[in-house]
Protein backbone atom coordinates (compact mmCIF):
# COMPACT_ATOMS: atom_id res chain seq x y z
CA MET A 1 -0.02 -0.02 0.00
CA GLU A 2 2.79 2.43 0.88
CA GLU A 3 4.53 1.73 -2.42
CA ILE A 4 1.29 2.47 -4.38
CA TYR A 5 0.92 5.65 -2.38
CA LYS A 6 4.45 6.77 -3.04
CA GLU A 7 4.12 6.02 -6.80
CA LYS A 8 0.86 7.93 -7.09
CA TYR A 9 2.20 11.06 -5.48
CA LEU A 10 5.61 10.76 -7.09
CA HIS A 11 3.80 10.89 -10.48
CA LYS A 12 1.91 14.02 -9.38
CA ALA A 13 5.16 15.67 -8.42
CA GLU A 14 6.79 14.74 -11.76
CA VAL A 15 3.86 16.36 -13.57
CA LEU A 16 4.29 19.55 -11.62
CA ILE A 17 8.00 19.61 -12.29
CA GLU A 18 7.41 19.05 -16.02
CA ALA A 19 5.09 22.09 -16.00
CA LEU A 20 7.51 24.39 -14.12
CA PRO A 21 9.63 25.54 -17.10
CA TYR A 22 6.42 26.35 -19.07
CA ILE A 23 5.09 28.36 -16.10
CA GLN A 24 8.37 30.26 -15.87
CA ARG A 25 8.58 30.86 -19.63
CA PHE A 26 4.98 32.15 -20.10
CA ASN A 27 4.59 33.98 -16.81
CA ARG A 28 2.78 37.30 -17.43
CA LYS A 29 2.42 36.44 -21.12
CA VAL A 30 -0.94 36.87 -23.03
CA ILE A 31 -2.63 33.67 -24.14
CA VAL A 32 -5.84 33.92 -26.19
CA VAL A 33 -8.22 30.94 -25.96
CA LYS A 34 -10.91 30.48 -28.60
CA TYR A 35 -13.57 28.43 -26.89
CA GLY A 36 -16.38 26.81 -28.96
CA GLY A 37 -17.75 23.60 -30.50
CA SER A 38 -19.03 20.62 -28.54
CA ALA A 39 -17.06 21.63 -25.47
CA MET A 40 -19.58 24.36 -24.86
CA ALA A 41 -22.64 22.04 -25.17
CA ASP A 42 -21.46 19.57 -22.56
CA GLU A 43 -21.63 20.94 -19.00
CA GLU A 44 -18.77 18.74 -17.65
CA LEU A 45 -16.48 19.67 -20.54
CA LYS A 46 -17.45 23.33 -20.08
CA LYS A 47 -16.42 23.16 -16.39
CA ASN A 48 -13.07 21.49 -17.28
CA VAL A 49 -12.28 24.21 -19.86
CA ILE A 50 -13.13 27.00 -17.35
CA LYS A 51 -11.00 25.25 -14.71
CA ASP A 52 -8.09 25.10 -17.23
CA VAL A 53 -8.29 28.75 -18.11
CA THR A 54 -8.64 29.70 -14.48
CA LEU A 55 -5.51 27.71 -13.51
CA LEU A 56 -3.60 29.46 -16.29
CA LYS A 57 -4.63 32.77 -14.70
CA LEU A 58 -3.66 31.65 -11.25
CA VAL A 59 -0.19 30.48 -12.26
CA GLY A 60 0.64 33.78 -13.86
CA PHE A 61 -0.59 33.74 -17.45
CA LYS A 62 -2.79 36.53 -18.84
CA PRO A 63 -5.62 34.61 -20.52
CA ILE A 64 -8.26 36.17 -22.73
CA VAL A 65 -11.23 34.02 -23.68
CA VAL A 66 -13.04 34.48 -26.99
CA HIS A 67 -16.08 32.30 -27.20
CA GLY A 68 -18.50 31.15 -29.81
CA GLY A 69 -22.06 29.87 -29.35
CA GLY A 70 -23.07 28.60 -32.72
CA LYS A 71 -24.91 25.46 -31.54
CA GLU A 72 -27.00 27.51 -29.06
CA ILE A 73 -27.67 30.13 -31.63
CA SER A 74 -28.97 27.52 -34.09
CA SER A 75 -31.17 26.07 -31.33
CA TRP A 76 -32.79 29.49 -30.65
CA ILE A 77 -33.23 30.19 -34.35
CA LYS A 78 -35.20 26.95 -34.60
CA LYS A 79 -37.30 27.85 -31.62
CA VAL A 80 -38.58 30.97 -33.47
CA GLY A 81 -39.46 28.89 -36.54
CA LYS A 82 -36.46 29.80 -38.71
CA GLU A 83 -33.91 27.54 -40.35
CA SER A 84 -30.11 28.13 -40.02
CA GLU A 85 -28.40 28.70 -43.32
CA PHE A 86 -24.62 28.47 -43.83
CA ILE A 87 -22.44 29.37 -46.87
CA ASN A 88 -18.77 28.30 -46.62
CA GLY A 89 -19.22 27.66 -42.90
CA LEU A 90 -20.55 31.20 -42.20
CA ARG A 91 -24.02 31.73 -40.83
CA VAL A 92 -26.34 33.76 -43.13
CA THR A 93 -27.37 36.55 -40.67
CA ASP A 94 -30.33 38.72 -41.43
CA ALA A 95 -31.53 41.34 -38.91
CA GLU A 96 -33.64 38.91 -36.90
CA THR A 97 -30.87 36.34 -36.74
CA MET A 98 -28.36 39.01 -35.63
CA GLU A 99 -30.71 40.00 -32.79
CA ILE A 100 -30.94 36.35 -31.72
CA ALA A 101 -27.18 35.80 -32.00
CA GLU A 102 -26.40 38.82 -29.89
CA MET A 103 -28.92 37.69 -27.23
CA VAL A 104 -27.55 34.10 -27.12
CA LEU A 105 -23.85 35.17 -27.09
CA GLY A 106 -24.56 37.64 -24.27
CA LYS A 107 -26.24 34.84 -22.31
CA VAL A 108 -23.22 32.47 -22.98
CA ASN A 109 -20.86 35.27 -22.01
CA LYS A 110 -22.33 35.92 -18.64
CA SER A 111 -22.59 32.16 -17.99
CA LEU A 112 -18.88 31.79 -18.55
CA VAL A 113 -18.19 34.82 -16.27
CA SER A 114 -20.21 33.25 -13.54
CA MET A 115 -18.21 30.02 -13.72
CA VAL A 116 -14.90 31.72 -13.61
CA THR A 117 -16.02 33.93 -10.70
CA GLU A 118 -17.15 30.80 -8.78
CA LEU A 119 -13.62 29.50 -8.99
CA GLY A 120 -12.30 32.63 -7.30
CA VAL A 121 -11.00 34.67 -10.27
CA LYS A 122 -12.31 37.97 -11.26
CA ALA A 123 -13.75 37.95 -14.83
CA VAL A 124 -15.46 40.56 -16.93
CA GLY A 125 -17.54 39.67 -19.91
CA ILE A 126 -17.56 42.11 -22.86
CA SER A 127 -18.44 42.03 -26.59
CA GLY A 128 -16.43 43.57 -29.41
CA LYS A 129 -18.80 46.53 -29.28
CA ASP A 130 -17.50 47.54 -25.76
CA GLY A 131 -14.81 50.17 -25.77
CA GLY A 132 -14.70 49.99 -29.60
CA LEU A 133 -12.81 46.64 -29.28
CA LEU A 134 -13.68 45.25 -32.68
CA THR A 135 -14.50 47.38 -35.75
CA VAL A 136 -15.63 45.44 -38.80
CA GLU A 137 -16.77 45.67 -42.34
CA LYS A 138 -19.29 43.44 -44.18
CA LYS A 139 -17.82 40.02 -44.96
CA TYR A 140 -18.83 38.19 -48.15
CA ALA A 141 -18.76 34.47 -48.85
CA ASP A 142 -17.32 33.97 -52.40
CA GLY A 143 -18.95 37.22 -53.35
CA GLN A 144 -22.29 36.40 -51.76
CA ASP A 145 -23.94 38.80 -49.37
CA ILE A 146 -24.58 36.82 -46.18
CA GLY A 147 -25.98 39.75 -44.16
CA TYR A 148 -24.62 40.92 -40.87
CA VAL A 149 -21.41 38.99 -40.82
CA GLY A 150 -18.32 41.09 -40.10
CA GLU A 151 -14.66 40.96 -41.04
CA VAL A 152 -12.48 42.50 -38.34
CA THR A 153 -10.68 45.67 -39.70
CA LYS A 154 -9.40 47.09 -36.42
CA VAL A 155 -8.84 46.02 -32.82
CA ASP A 156 -8.59 48.65 -30.12
CA THR A 157 -6.88 46.82 -27.32
CA LYS A 158 -7.19 49.45 -24.64
CA ILE A 159 -10.10 47.83 -22.85
CA LEU A 160 -8.37 44.43 -22.81
CA GLU A 161 -5.11 45.96 -21.62
CA ASP A 162 -7.00 47.82 -18.84
CA LEU A 163 -8.76 44.62 -17.66
CA LEU A 164 -5.59 42.61 -17.64
CA GLU A 165 -3.76 45.46 -15.77
CA LYS A 166 -6.54 45.29 -13.10
CA ASP A 167 -6.14 41.54 -12.86
CA PHE A 168 -9.42 40.65 -14.51
CA LEU A 169 -9.91 37.80 -16.93
CA PRO A 170 -11.64 39.14 -20.06
CA ILE A 171 -14.25 36.99 -21.80
CA VAL A 172 -15.20 38.27 -25.23
CA ALA A 173 -18.26 37.65 -27.35
CA PRO A 174 -17.49 37.96 -31.06
CA ILE A 175 -19.80 40.85 -32.02
CA GLY A 176 -18.50 44.14 -33.56
CA LEU A 177 -19.56 47.44 -35.04
CA ASP A 178 -18.99 48.84 -38.51
CA LYS A 179 -18.14 52.49 -39.18
CA ASP A 180 -21.85 53.33 -39.25
CA PHE A 181 -22.33 51.58 -35.91
CA ASN A 182 -24.31 48.67 -37.26
CA THR A 183 -23.98 45.38 -35.26
CA TYR A 184 -22.30 42.44 -36.90
CA ASN A 185 -21.69 38.77 -35.92
CA ILE A 186 -18.01 37.69 -36.23
CA ASN A 187 -16.71 34.17 -36.67
CA ALA A 188 -15.19 33.37 -33.27
CA ASP A 189 -12.00 31.96 -34.83
CA ASP A 190 -11.54 35.20 -36.83
CA ALA A 191 -12.16 37.31 -33.70
CA ALA A 192 -9.69 35.36 -31.52
CA CYS A 193 -7.05 35.55 -34.27
CA ALA A 194 -7.48 39.30 -34.67
CA ILE A 195 -7.29 39.84 -30.89
CA ALA A 196 -4.21 37.69 -30.54
CA LYS A 197 -2.40 39.60 -33.20
CA ALA A 198 -3.28 42.96 -31.81
CA MET A 199 -2.43 41.96 -28.28
CA GLY A 200 0.94 40.42 -29.32
CA ALA A 201 -0.14 37.25 -27.62
CA ASN A 202 2.45 34.62 -26.98
CA LYS A 203 -0.07 31.79 -27.56
CA LEU A 204 -3.36 31.42 -29.39
CA ALA A 205 -5.31 28.17 -28.70
CA PHE A 206 -8.32 27.07 -30.68
CA LEU A 207 -10.50 24.56 -28.76
CA THR A 208 -12.37 22.77 -31.48
CA ASP A 209 -14.12 19.52 -32.32
CA ILE A 210 -11.06 18.02 -34.03
CA GLU A 211 -7.82 16.63 -32.55
CA GLY A 212 -5.55 18.68 -34.79
CA VAL A 213 -4.18 18.42 -38.31
CA TYR A 214 -4.00 15.17 -40.30
CA LYS A 215 -2.29 14.84 -43.61
CA ASP A 216 -4.93 12.24 -44.41
CA PRO A 217 -8.08 12.65 -42.19
CA GLU A 218 -8.96 8.99 -42.78
CA ASP A 219 -5.54 7.79 -41.46
CA PRO A 220 -4.91 8.36 -37.78
CA SER A 221 -1.18 7.61 -38.39
CA THR A 222 -0.80 10.79 -40.38
CA PHE A 223 -1.59 13.10 -37.37
CA ILE A 224 0.88 16.09 -37.31
CA SER A 225 1.72 17.44 -33.89
CA ARG A 226 4.04 20.26 -35.05
CA LEU A 227 3.89 22.45 -38.16
CA THR A 228 5.87 25.39 -39.41
CA VAL A 229 4.16 28.06 -41.31
CA SER A 230 5.72 26.95 -44.55
CA GLU A 231 4.87 23.28 -43.93
CA ALA A 232 1.26 24.30 -43.28
CA ASP A 233 1.19 26.42 -46.49
CA SER A 234 2.68 23.46 -48.45
CA LEU A 235 0.01 21.08 -47.15
CA VAL A 236 -2.71 23.52 -48.36
CA GLU A 237 -1.09 24.10 -51.75
CA LYS A 238 -0.81 20.36 -52.36
CA GLY A 239 -4.40 19.78 -51.52
CA TYR A 240 -4.09 17.87 -48.25
CA ILE A 241 -6.12 20.38 -46.34
CA GLY A 242 -9.64 21.28 -47.39
CA GLY A 243 -13.20 22.02 -46.34
CA GLY A 244 -13.65 23.62 -42.92
CA MET A 245 -9.99 23.17 -42.00
CA LEU A 246 -8.86 25.71 -44.63
CA PRO A 247 -10.02 28.82 -42.68
CA LYS A 248 -8.65 27.41 -39.41
CA ILE A 249 -5.29 26.83 -40.92
CA ALA A 250 -5.35 30.24 -42.51
CA ASN A 251 -6.08 31.78 -39.16
CA CYS A 252 -3.20 29.82 -37.50
CA THR A 253 -0.60 30.79 -40.15
CA ASP A 254 -1.82 34.39 -40.28
CA ALA A 255 -1.37 34.72 -36.52
CA ILE A 256 2.13 33.38 -36.60
CA LYS A 257 3.03 35.61 -39.54
CA ASN A 258 1.83 38.56 -37.43
CA GLY A 259 3.82 37.97 -34.36
CA VAL A 260 1.99 35.33 -32.33
CA SER A 261 4.67 32.86 -30.99
CA ARG A 262 2.62 29.68 -30.82
CA VAL A 263 -0.77 28.65 -32.21
CA HIS A 264 -2.49 25.47 -31.15
CA ILE A 265 -5.47 23.47 -32.49
CA LEU A 266 -6.86 21.31 -29.73
CA ASP A 267 -9.74 18.87 -29.29
CA GLY A 268 -11.96 20.58 -26.70
CA ARG A 269 -13.83 17.36 -26.21
CA LYS A 270 -10.94 15.88 -24.42
CA PRO A 271 -10.79 16.85 -20.73
CA HIS A 272 -8.01 19.35 -19.90
CA SER A 273 -6.56 19.39 -23.42
CA LEU A 274 -5.55 22.98 -22.93
CA LEU A 275 -3.44 22.16 -19.93
CA LEU A 276 -1.92 19.15 -21.53
CA GLU A 277 -0.83 21.15 -24.54
CA VAL A 278 0.56 24.09 -22.59
CA PHE A 279 2.27 22.34 -19.65
CA THR A 280 3.65 19.04 -21.02
CA ASP A 281 6.55 18.22 -23.28
CA THR A 282 4.59 16.20 -25.71
CA GLY A 283 1.37 18.13 -25.91
CA ILE A 284 -1.87 16.82 -27.33
CA GLY A 285 -2.89 18.84 -30.39
CA THR A 286 -1.20 20.47 -33.40
CA MET A 287 1.15 23.34 -32.69
CA PHE A 288 2.13 25.97 -35.34
CA PHE A 289 5.28 28.02 -35.10
CA ARG A 290 7.63 30.17 -37.24
CA ASP A 291 10.06 28.50 -39.61
CA ASP A 292 13.07 30.01 -37.83
CA ASP A 293 11.84 29.21 -34.35
CA ARG A 294 13.99 26.70 -32.49
CA LEU A 295 11.82 24.59 -30.17
């Protein structure tokens, strides 16, 4: 019994020691976490994600959460008798749909704030409309007008910097204003990428419904744990990456090219995937980095 006891707690100590250099390296560094997908629909997974982000905050990181809410938005649209329509993965958003999306994202936002606060960390929920955080222009899908869907053109980081300076954890809903102060829905991946670039984030993590990048999605042995920007671009050019992965890869490489040190695609359905990626040597998802970066 004593040997089992020692082994159990020795393993815990080894895990903590393995995390130490990462805690030292990223202390007081900004990490942007895009939170969405199935991990938002499952209450247990949601609690695990919030615990992960809260722990990052407590060990010295400066996390910023950018969340989606697509599944819940679709549910509410159905409740009012409408059908959700997507073009190239983007929700067609008329005025009524925009009103529903803003309502739902506000509800999700404050729910996440409550969960973080319950764990003893001060959080503030905002949208891209607050403090002029996200300015947008109309986004088109292959030339098609899809309504109130915005492309981020400017990020005013002052409100985020002020919140981080006051030791708050910002939680951002992806909604912005255009130059005429019309409200637009923003793809959460796009919003997170724009914020990470503007904040000079050290890390950007996408919590998704996929494990990471595969050269062949049908062959688990082709999983890629690390990718340079040029390697990622090459996979796209050769046709290995397609469909919904294309915009995700584009956001990852764009962030790296614009100063973000590390970008991660993680499976948010796996408990504590964020901590495993950030604090262990092997990681769990796909990490993107600069070509000249020595790991």
